[in-house]
N, C-alpha and C. Protein backbone atom coordinates (compact mmCIF):
# COMPACT_ATOMS: atom_id res chain seq x y z
N MET A 1 8.52 -33.16 26.49
CA MET A 1 8.00 -31.99 27.16
C MET A 1 7.18 -32.42 28.38
N PRO A 2 7.54 -32.02 29.58
CA PRO A 2 6.89 -32.50 30.79
C PRO A 2 5.44 -32.06 30.95
N ASP A 3 5.05 -30.92 30.37
CA ASP A 3 3.68 -30.44 30.52
C ASP A 3 2.71 -31.01 29.49
N SER A 4 3.23 -31.80 28.57
CA SER A 4 2.38 -32.28 27.51
C SER A 4 1.34 -33.28 28.03
N VAL A 5 0.14 -33.15 27.51
CA VAL A 5 -0.97 -34.03 27.88
C VAL A 5 -0.84 -35.30 27.05
N THR A 6 -1.06 -36.44 27.68
CA THR A 6 -0.96 -37.71 26.97
C THR A 6 -2.33 -38.39 26.88
N ARG A 7 -2.43 -39.31 25.96
CA ARG A 7 -3.66 -40.09 25.82
C ARG A 7 -3.91 -40.93 27.07
N MET A 8 -2.84 -41.44 27.66
CA MET A 8 -2.98 -42.24 28.89
C MET A 8 -3.57 -41.39 30.02
N GLU A 9 -3.10 -40.17 30.15
CA GLU A 9 -3.62 -39.27 31.18
C GLU A 9 -5.11 -38.99 30.97
N ILE A 10 -5.48 -38.76 29.73
CA ILE A 10 -6.89 -38.53 29.42
C ILE A 10 -7.71 -39.78 29.68
N ALA A 11 -7.23 -40.92 29.24
CA ALA A 11 -7.97 -42.18 29.43
C ALA A 11 -8.24 -42.45 30.91
N GLU A 12 -7.25 -42.27 31.74
CA GLU A 12 -7.42 -42.50 33.18
C GLU A 12 -8.45 -41.55 33.77
N ALA A 13 -8.47 -40.33 33.30
CA ALA A 13 -9.36 -39.31 33.86
C ALA A 13 -10.81 -39.45 33.41
N VAL A 14 -11.04 -39.88 32.17
CA VAL A 14 -12.41 -39.83 31.63
C VAL A 14 -13.04 -41.20 31.37
N ARG A 15 -12.34 -42.26 31.66
CA ARG A 15 -12.87 -43.61 31.42
C ARG A 15 -14.28 -43.79 31.99
N VAL A 16 -14.54 -43.22 33.17
CA VAL A 16 -15.84 -43.39 33.82
C VAL A 16 -16.98 -42.76 33.03
N ALA A 17 -16.67 -41.82 32.14
CA ALA A 17 -17.72 -41.17 31.34
C ALA A 17 -18.32 -42.14 30.31
N PHE A 18 -17.59 -43.19 29.99
CA PHE A 18 -18.04 -44.15 28.98
C PHE A 18 -18.67 -45.35 29.68
N ASN A 19 -19.96 -45.24 29.93
CA ASN A 19 -20.68 -46.24 30.71
C ASN A 19 -21.51 -47.18 29.85
N GLY A 20 -21.16 -47.31 28.61
CA GLY A 20 -21.91 -48.20 27.73
C GLY A 20 -22.78 -47.45 26.74
N SER A 21 -23.16 -46.21 27.07
CA SER A 21 -24.00 -45.44 26.15
C SER A 21 -23.22 -44.33 25.47
N GLY A 22 -21.91 -44.33 25.64
CA GLY A 22 -21.09 -43.30 25.04
C GLY A 22 -21.05 -42.05 25.90
N ALA A 23 -20.37 -41.04 25.39
CA ALA A 23 -20.21 -39.80 26.15
C ALA A 23 -20.11 -38.61 25.21
N ALA A 24 -20.79 -37.55 25.57
CA ALA A 24 -20.69 -36.28 24.85
C ALA A 24 -19.54 -35.48 25.46
N ARG A 25 -19.15 -34.41 24.78
CA ARG A 25 -18.05 -33.58 25.28
C ARG A 25 -18.33 -33.12 26.72
N ALA A 26 -19.57 -32.72 27.01
CA ALA A 26 -19.91 -32.26 28.37
C ALA A 26 -19.68 -33.38 29.39
N ASP A 27 -20.02 -34.62 29.04
CA ASP A 27 -19.81 -35.76 29.95
C ASP A 27 -18.32 -35.98 30.20
N ILE A 28 -17.55 -35.86 29.14
CA ILE A 28 -16.10 -36.07 29.23
C ILE A 28 -15.46 -34.98 30.09
N LEU A 29 -15.89 -33.74 29.88
CA LEU A 29 -15.36 -32.63 30.69
C LEU A 29 -15.77 -32.77 32.15
N ALA A 30 -16.99 -33.23 32.41
CA ALA A 30 -17.44 -33.43 33.78
C ALA A 30 -16.62 -34.50 34.48
N ALA A 31 -16.33 -35.58 33.77
CA ALA A 31 -15.51 -36.66 34.34
C ALA A 31 -14.10 -36.15 34.63
N ALA A 32 -13.55 -35.38 33.73
CA ALA A 32 -12.21 -34.83 33.92
C ALA A 32 -12.17 -33.88 35.12
N SER A 33 -13.18 -33.06 35.24
CA SER A 33 -13.25 -32.14 36.38
C SER A 33 -13.37 -32.90 37.69
N ALA A 34 -14.20 -33.93 37.70
CA ALA A 34 -14.36 -34.75 38.90
C ALA A 34 -13.06 -35.44 39.29
N ALA A 35 -12.25 -35.77 38.29
CA ALA A 35 -10.96 -36.42 38.53
C ALA A 35 -9.88 -35.40 38.91
N GLN A 36 -10.24 -34.12 38.91
CA GLN A 36 -9.33 -33.03 39.28
C GLN A 36 -8.04 -33.04 38.44
N VAL A 37 -8.24 -33.11 37.14
CA VAL A 37 -7.10 -33.12 36.22
C VAL A 37 -6.46 -31.74 36.13
N ARG A 38 -5.29 -31.71 35.55
CA ARG A 38 -4.57 -30.45 35.33
C ARG A 38 -5.36 -29.58 34.34
N PRO A 39 -5.22 -28.26 34.44
CA PRO A 39 -5.89 -27.37 33.49
C PRO A 39 -5.55 -27.67 32.03
N ALA A 40 -4.34 -28.14 31.77
CA ALA A 40 -3.95 -28.46 30.39
C ALA A 40 -4.83 -29.56 29.80
N VAL A 41 -5.25 -30.50 30.64
CA VAL A 41 -6.11 -31.60 30.16
C VAL A 41 -7.49 -31.04 29.82
N ILE A 42 -8.01 -30.17 30.67
CA ILE A 42 -9.31 -29.54 30.39
C ILE A 42 -9.25 -28.75 29.09
N ASP A 43 -8.15 -28.05 28.87
CA ASP A 43 -7.99 -27.28 27.62
C ASP A 43 -8.06 -28.19 26.41
N VAL A 44 -7.37 -29.33 26.47
CA VAL A 44 -7.38 -30.28 25.36
C VAL A 44 -8.79 -30.83 25.14
N LEU A 45 -9.44 -31.24 26.21
CA LEU A 45 -10.77 -31.83 26.09
C LEU A 45 -11.81 -30.81 25.63
N SER A 46 -11.60 -29.56 25.95
CA SER A 46 -12.52 -28.49 25.52
C SER A 46 -12.50 -28.31 24.00
N SER A 47 -11.44 -28.78 23.36
CA SER A 47 -11.34 -28.65 21.91
C SER A 47 -12.10 -29.76 21.17
N LEU A 48 -12.63 -30.73 21.90
CA LEU A 48 -13.38 -31.81 21.26
C LEU A 48 -14.65 -31.26 20.61
N PRO A 49 -15.08 -31.85 19.51
CA PRO A 49 -16.32 -31.40 18.88
C PRO A 49 -17.54 -31.81 19.72
N GLU A 50 -18.65 -31.15 19.47
CA GLU A 50 -19.91 -31.42 20.16
C GLU A 50 -20.59 -32.63 19.52
N ILE A 51 -19.99 -33.80 19.69
CA ILE A 51 -20.58 -35.04 19.19
C ILE A 51 -20.57 -36.05 20.33
N ARG A 52 -21.27 -37.16 20.12
CA ARG A 52 -21.27 -38.24 21.10
C ARG A 52 -20.22 -39.26 20.65
N PHE A 53 -19.32 -39.58 21.57
CA PHE A 53 -18.29 -40.57 21.31
C PHE A 53 -18.79 -41.91 21.85
N ARG A 54 -18.81 -42.92 21.02
CA ARG A 54 -19.35 -44.22 21.42
C ARG A 54 -18.49 -44.91 22.46
N GLU A 55 -17.18 -44.79 22.31
CA GLU A 55 -16.26 -45.42 23.27
C GLU A 55 -15.00 -44.58 23.40
N LEU A 56 -14.27 -44.86 24.44
CA LEU A 56 -13.08 -44.06 24.77
C LEU A 56 -12.12 -43.95 23.59
N ARG A 57 -11.87 -45.04 22.91
CA ARG A 57 -10.88 -44.98 21.82
C ARG A 57 -11.31 -44.10 20.66
N ASP A 58 -12.59 -43.75 20.59
CA ASP A 58 -13.05 -42.82 19.56
C ASP A 58 -12.47 -41.42 19.75
N LEU A 59 -12.03 -41.11 20.96
CA LEU A 59 -11.41 -39.81 21.22
C LEU A 59 -10.12 -39.64 20.43
N TRP A 60 -9.44 -40.73 20.18
CA TRP A 60 -8.10 -40.63 19.57
C TRP A 60 -8.15 -40.14 18.14
N THR A 61 -9.30 -40.28 17.48
CA THR A 61 -9.44 -39.70 16.15
C THR A 61 -9.29 -38.18 16.22
N GLU A 62 -9.91 -37.60 17.22
CA GLU A 62 -9.85 -36.14 17.39
C GLU A 62 -8.55 -35.68 18.05
N LEU A 63 -7.94 -36.56 18.82
CA LEU A 63 -6.75 -36.19 19.59
C LEU A 63 -5.50 -36.95 19.13
N SER A 64 -5.44 -37.22 17.84
CA SER A 64 -4.35 -38.03 17.30
C SER A 64 -2.98 -37.36 17.45
N HIS A 65 -2.98 -36.05 17.65
CA HIS A 65 -1.71 -35.31 17.81
C HIS A 65 -1.07 -35.53 19.18
N LEU A 66 -1.81 -36.10 20.12
CA LEU A 66 -1.26 -36.30 21.47
C LEU A 66 -0.42 -37.55 21.54
N PRO A 67 0.66 -37.52 22.32
CA PRO A 67 1.44 -38.74 22.52
C PRO A 67 0.65 -39.73 23.37
N VAL A 68 0.95 -41.01 23.19
CA VAL A 68 0.25 -42.05 23.94
C VAL A 68 0.61 -41.98 25.44
N GLY A 69 1.86 -41.96 25.73
CA GLY A 69 2.28 -41.92 27.13
C GLY A 69 3.44 -40.95 27.30
N GLY A 70 3.84 -40.80 28.55
CA GLY A 70 4.90 -39.85 28.80
C GLY A 70 5.96 -40.45 29.57
């Protein structure tokens, strides 16, 4: 499916949010917005719980349904 959001797309967009101290959902959404991602990516990231993620790969627990790449 061409419109499907991938983990790689998310990683590229939000990597900067993880600066060593982790990132909350708001930090991740801010990084995605700054990267001017597609609305579908914002929709996916908006579904994240209100917790602090220690590192980027911690997102995959919540987003395990997404394909790795496209």
